[in-house]
Amino acid sequence: MAKTKVSRAAAENRRARRDYTIEETLEAGLVLQGSEVKSLRAGQASLSEAWAGPEDGAIWLFNCHISPYEQAGQANHEPRRPRKLLVRKREQQRLLDAAGREGYTLVPLKIYFNDRGIAKLLLGLGKGKKRHDKRQSEKDRDWKRQKARLMREKG
């Protein structure tokens, strides 16, 4: 996978890395209406309850809330409509096979605009964490923070 420069995040799923162990990520395009793009640019979106999955042979983003754009009038969009993700066929099949394994799911991590100004979705393949895994990752994060603080003070 190619490394891409992520800039101008429009929406971020902050709980995703807490609830899932993300094993790999993929950049996908989104099929959006004009009023949805305007709302995303204004930062009026939420990925907190969103999920991705297969439907009709494609990967779709479900339950992502993009607020209606006030100036759009009657040409506005439905806030929680399913949105199709644009992924190459080979990547799509690989993701669907991987997500079909037990315990794995497709987790939307971030909606952002790339360098060309096109809205993209950072999609992760994650495995759900158990409660003790969450505690351990929190302990590790606290220890790293404390270690960095000690190194700053002593060194």
C-alpha atoms as a PDB file:
ATOM      1  CA  MET A   1       0.000   0.000   0.000  1.00  0.00           C
ATOM      2  CA  ALA A   2       1.188   3.459  -0.836  1.00  0.00           C
ATOM      3  CA  LYS A   3       1.664   5.980   1.916  1.00  0.00           C
ATOM      4  CA  THR A   4      -0.591   8.974   1.406  1.00  0.00           C
ATOM      5  CA  LYS A   5      -0.405  12.387   2.969  1.00  0.00           C
ATOM      6  CA  VAL A   6      -3.565  12.902   5.017  1.00  0.00           C
ATOM      7  CA  SER A   7      -4.646  16.501   5.387  1.00  0.00           C
ATOM      8  CA  ARG A   8      -7.671  18.475   6.553  1.00  0.00           C
ATOM      9  CA  ALA A   9      -9.658  15.837   8.422  1.00  0.00           C
ATOM     10  CA  ALA A  10     -13.384  16.504   8.051  1.00  0.00           C
ATOM     11  CA  ALA A  11     -14.472  13.780  10.483  1.00  0.00           C
ATOM     12  CA  GLU A  12     -12.635  11.277  12.646  1.00  0.00           C
ATOM     13  CA  ASN A  13     -13.725   8.141  14.479  1.00  0.00           C
ATOM     14  CA  ARG A  14     -11.795   8.580  17.711  1.00  0.00           C
ATOM     15  CA  ARG A  15     -13.156   5.452  19.397  1.00  0.00           C
ATOM     16  CA  ALA A  16     -12.129   3.139  16.570  1.00  0.00           C
ATOM     17  CA  ARG A  17      -8.525   2.651  17.689  1.00  0.00           C
ATOM     18  CA  ARG A  18      -9.721   2.128  21.257  1.00  0.00           C
ATOM     19  CA  ASP A  19     -12.305  -0.517  20.378  1.00  0.00           C
ATOM     20  CA  TYR A  20     -10.447  -2.253  17.526  1.00  0.00           C
ATOM     21  CA  THR A  21      -6.948  -3.421  16.748  1.00  0.00           C
ATOM     22  CA  ILE A  22      -6.432  -1.961  13.281  1.00  0.00           C
ATOM     23  CA  GLU A  23      -4.298  -4.332  11.223  1.00  0.00           C
ATOM     24  CA  GLU A  24      -4.273  -2.502   7.897  1.00  0.00           C
ATOM     25  CA  THR A  25      -5.739   0.625   6.334  1.00  0.00           C
ATOM     26  CA  LEU A  26      -6.985   1.528   2.888  1.00  0.00           C
ATOM     27  CA  GLU A  27      -7.939   4.799   1.225  1.00  0.00           C
ATOM     28  CA  ALA A  28     -11.339   4.731  -0.487  1.00  0.00           C
ATOM     29  CA  GLY A  29     -13.268   7.304  -2.453  1.00  0.00           C
ATOM     30  CA  LEU A  30     -16.810   8.327  -1.529  1.00  0.00           C
ATOM     31  CA  VAL A  31     -19.817   8.876  -3.793  1.00  0.00           C
ATOM     32  CA  LEU A  32     -21.218  12.153  -2.433  1.00  0.00           C
ATOM     33  CA  GLN A  33     -23.721  14.803  -3.407  1.00  0.00           C
ATOM     34  CA  GLY A  34     -22.722  18.460  -3.668  1.00  0.00           C
ATOM     35  CA  SER A  35     -24.385  19.488  -0.414  1.00  0.00           C
ATOM     36  CA  GLU A  36     -22.569  16.658   1.403  1.00  0.00           C
ATOM     37  CA  VAL A  37     -19.194  17.936   0.206  1.00  0.00           C
ATOM     38  CA  LYS A  38     -20.063  21.451   1.418  1.00  0.00           C
ATOM     39  CA  SER A  39     -21.033  20.071   4.848  1.00  0.00           C
ATOM     40  CA  LEU A  40     -17.821  18.024   5.039  1.00  0.00           C
ATOM     41  CA  ARG A  41     -15.738  21.106   4.245  1.00  0.00           C
ATOM     42  CA  ALA A  42     -17.523  22.878   7.108  1.00  0.00           C
ATOM     43  CA  GLY A  43     -16.673  19.952   9.438  1.00  0.00           C
ATOM     44  CA  GLN A  44     -20.306  18.930   9.899  1.00  0.00           C
ATOM     45  CA  ALA A  45     -19.876  15.138   9.946  1.00  0.00           C
ATOM     46  CA  SER A  46     -19.698  12.305  12.459  1.00  0.00           C
ATOM     47  CA  LEU A  47     -18.246   8.810  12.091  1.00  0.00           C
ATOM     48  CA  SER A  48     -18.901   7.719  15.666  1.00  0.00           C
ATOM     49  CA  GLU A  49     -21.602   5.161  14.796  1.00  0.00           C
ATOM     50  CA  ALA A  50     -20.578   4.476  11.196  1.00  0.00           C
ATOM     51  CA  TRP A  51     -19.661   1.086   9.788  1.00  0.00           C
ATOM     52  CA  ALA A  52     -18.787  -0.323   6.377  1.00  0.00           C
ATOM     53  CA  GLY A  53     -19.996  -3.506   4.773  1.00  0.00           C
ATOM     54  CA  PRO A  54     -20.987  -5.248   1.550  1.00  0.00           C
ATOM     55  CA  GLU A  55     -24.257  -4.700  -0.289  1.00  0.00           C
ATOM     56  CA  ASP A  56     -25.063  -5.471  -3.932  1.00  0.00           C
ATOM     57  CA  GLY A  57     -21.480  -6.525  -4.663  1.00  0.00           C
ATOM     58  CA  ALA A  58     -19.919  -3.258  -3.463  1.00  0.00           C
ATOM     59  CA  ILE A  59     -18.677  -1.812  -0.187  1.00  0.00           C
ATOM     60  CA  TRP A  60     -20.958   0.801   1.387  1.00  0.00           C
ATOM     61  CA  LEU A  61     -20.620   3.214   4.310  1.00  0.00           C
ATOM     62  CA  PHE A  62     -23.638   3.002   6.613  1.00  0.00           C
ATOM     63  CA  ASN A  63     -24.878   5.260   9.411  1.00  0.00           C
ATOM     64  CA  CYS A  64     -22.387   8.066   8.764  1.00  0.00           C
ATOM     65  CA  HIS A  65     -24.026  11.355   9.733  1.00  0.00           C
ATOM     66  CA  ILE A  66     -23.322  14.324   7.457  1.00  0.00           C
ATOM     67  CA  SER A  67     -25.447  17.287   8.515  1.00  0.00           C
ATOM     68  CA  PRO A  68     -27.635  18.970   5.901  1.00  0.00           C
ATOM     69  CA  TYR A  69     -26.082  22.063   4.340  1.00  0.00           C
ATOM     70  CA  GLU A  70     -28.198  25.088   5.277  1.00  0.00           C
ATOM     71  CA  GLN A  71     -27.777  27.013   2.009  1.00  0.00           C
ATOM     72  CA  ALA A  72     -28.670  24.001  -0.173  1.00  0.00           C
ATOM     73  CA  GLY A  73     -32.412  24.538   0.192  1.00  0.00           C
ATOM     74  CA  GLN A  74     -34.462  21.788  -1.420  1.00  0.00           C
ATOM     75  CA  ALA A  75     -31.425  20.189  -3.078  1.00  0.00           C
ATOM     76  CA  ASN A  76     -30.244  18.947   0.311  1.00  0.00           C
ATOM     77  CA  HIS A  77     -29.325  15.363   1.184  1.00  0.00           C
ATOM     78  CA  GLU A  78     -30.523  12.826   3.732  1.00  0.00           C
ATOM     79  CA  PRO A  79     -28.106  12.913   6.717  1.00  0.00           C
ATOM     80  CA  ARG A  80     -27.670   9.145   7.311  1.00  0.00           C
ATOM     81  CA  ARG A  81     -28.067   7.727   3.812  1.00  0.00           C
ATOM     82  CA  PRO A  82     -25.792   4.818   2.739  1.00  0.00           C
ATOM     83  CA  ARG A  83     -22.828   6.010   0.671  1.00  0.00           C
ATOM     84  CA  LYS A  84     -20.981   3.863  -1.836  1.00  0.00           C
ATOM     85  CA  LEU A  85     -17.217   3.487  -1.413  1.00  0.00           C
ATOM     86  CA  LEU A  86     -14.991   3.538  -4.477  1.00  0.00           C
ATOM     87  CA  VAL A  87     -12.364   0.807  -4.219  1.00  0.00           C
ATOM     88  CA  ARG A  88     -10.584  -1.222  -6.900  1.00  0.00           C
ATOM     89  CA  LYS A  89     -12.165  -4.628  -7.541  1.00  0.00           C
ATOM     90  CA  ARG A  90      -9.127  -6.585  -6.333  1.00  0.00           C
ATOM     91  CA  GLU A  91      -8.892  -4.545  -3.101  1.00  0.00           C
ATOM     92  CA  GLN A  92     -12.650  -4.812  -2.605  1.00  0.00           C
ATOM     93  CA  GLN A  93     -12.615  -8.601  -2.859  1.00  0.00           C
ATOM     94  CA  ARG A  94      -9.599  -8.854  -0.553  1.00  0.00           C
ATOM     95  CA  LEU A  95     -11.273  -6.629   2.059  1.00  0.00           C
ATOM     96  CA  LEU A  96     -14.553  -8.527   1.893  1.00  0.00           C
ATOM     97  CA  ASP A  97     -12.748 -11.856   2.284  1.00  0.00           C
ATOM     98  CA  ALA A  98     -10.765 -10.540   5.234  1.00  0.00           C
ATOM     99  CA  ALA A  99     -13.848  -9.030   6.859  1.00  0.00           C
ATOM    100  CA  GLY A 100     -15.638 -12.348   6.443  1.00  0.00           C
ATOM    101  CA  ARG A 101     -13.197 -14.015   8.822  1.00  0.00           C
ATOM    102  CA  GLU A 102     -14.343 -14.361  12.395  1.00  0.00           C
ATOM    103  CA  GLY A 103     -13.916 -11.236  14.530  1.00  0.00           C
ATOM    104  CA  TYR A 104     -12.827  -8.893  11.720  1.00  0.00           C
ATOM    105  CA  THR A 105     -14.740  -5.863  10.522  1.00  0.00           C
ATOM    106  CA  LEU A 106     -14.340  -2.832   8.267  1.00  0.00           C
ATOM    107  CA  VAL A 107     -14.015   0.283  10.415  1.00  0.00           C
ATOM    108  CA  PRO A 108     -14.216   3.818   8.975  1.00  0.00           C
ATOM    109  CA  LEU A 109     -11.410   5.783  10.630  1.00  0.00           C
ATOM    110  CA  LYS A 110     -11.372   9.228   9.041  1.00  0.00           C
ATOM    111  CA  ILE A 111     -12.929  11.321   6.277  1.00  0.00           C
ATOM    112  CA  TYR A 112     -10.502  13.847   4.866  1.00  0.00           C
ATOM    113  CA  PHE A 113      -9.690  15.857   1.754  1.00  0.00           C
ATOM    114  CA  ASN A 114      -6.565  14.851  -0.148  1.00  0.00           C
ATOM    115  CA  ASP A 115      -4.116  17.240  -1.820  1.00  0.00           C
ATOM    116  CA  ARG A 116      -6.384  17.576  -4.866  1.00  0.00           C
ATOM    117  CA  GLY A 117      -9.384  18.483  -2.690  1.00  0.00           C
ATOM    118  CA  ILE A 118     -11.198  15.161  -3.159  1.00  0.00           C
ATOM    119  CA  ALA A 119     -13.029  13.623  -0.190  1.00  0.00           C
ATOM    120  CA  LYS A 120     -11.530  10.272   0.850  1.00  0.00           C
ATOM    121  CA  LEU A 121     -12.296   7.756   3.587  1.00  0.00           C
ATOM    122  CA  LEU A 122      -9.565   5.986   5.543  1.00  0.00           C
ATOM    123  CA  LEU A 123     -10.948   2.486   6.043  1.00  0.00           C
ATOM    124  CA  GLY A 124      -9.359   0.055   8.477  1.00  0.00           C
ATOM    125  CA  LEU A 125      -9.563  -3.699   8.808  1.00  0.00           C
ATOM    126  CA  GLY A 126      -9.904  -4.241  12.527  1.00  0.00           C
ATOM    127  CA  LYS A 127     -10.420  -6.955  15.060  1.00  0.00           C
ATOM    128  CA  GLY A 128     -12.507  -6.120  18.118  1.00  0.00           C
ATOM    129  CA  LYS A 129     -10.651  -5.739  21.393  1.00  0.00           C
ATOM    130  CA  LYS A 130     -11.781  -7.434  24.544  1.00  0.00           C
ATOM    131  CA  ARG A 131     -11.999  -5.515  27.802  1.00  0.00           C
ATOM    132  CA  HIS A 132      -8.626  -6.756  29.082  1.00  0.00           C
ATOM    133  CA  ASP A 133      -6.967  -5.778  25.779  1.00  0.00           C
ATOM    134  CA  LYS A 134      -8.293  -2.238  26.183  1.00  0.00           C
ATOM    135  CA  ARG A 135      -6.917  -2.079  29.717  1.00  0.00           C
ATOM    136  CA  GLN A 136      -3.508  -3.315  28.603  1.00  0.00           C
ATOM    137  CA  SER A 137      -3.276  -0.799  25.753  1.00  0.00           C
ATOM    138  CA  GLU A 138      -4.252   1.968  28.179  1.00  0.00           C
ATOM    139  CA  LYS A 139      -1.512   0.854  30.601  1.00  0.00           C
ATOM    140  CA  ASP A 140       1.042   0.800  27.787  1.00  0.00           C
ATOM    141  CA  ARG A 141       0.017   4.277  26.629  1.00  0.00           C
ATOM    142  CA  ASP A 142       0.252   5.657  30.198  1.00  0.00           C
ATOM    143  CA  TRP A 143       3.675   4.074  30.686  1.00  0.00           C
ATOM    144  CA  LYS A 144       4.990   5.572  27.435  1.00  0.00           C
ATOM    145  CA  ARG A 145       3.697   8.987  28.455  1.00  0.00           C
ATOM    146  CA  GLN A 146       5.264   8.693  31.916  1.00  0.00           C
ATOM    147  CA  LYS A 147       8.554   7.461  30.452  1.00  0.00           C
ATOM    148  CA  ALA A 148       8.701  10.403  28.046  1.00  0.00           C
ATOM    149  CA  ARG A 149       8.024  12.794  30.932  1.00  0.00           C
ATOM    150  CA  LEU A 150      10.831  11.267  32.995  1.00  0.00           C
ATOM    151  CA  MET A 151      13.259  11.440  30.076  1.00  0.00           C
ATOM    152  CA  ARG A 152      12.449  15.110  29.544  1.00  0.00           C
ATOM    153  CA  GLU A 153      13.006  15.941  33.213  1.00  0.00           C
ATOM    154  CA  LYS A 154      16.209  13.902  33.675  1.00  0.00           C
ATOM    155  CA  GLY A 155      17.826  14.232  30.284  1.00  0.00           C
END
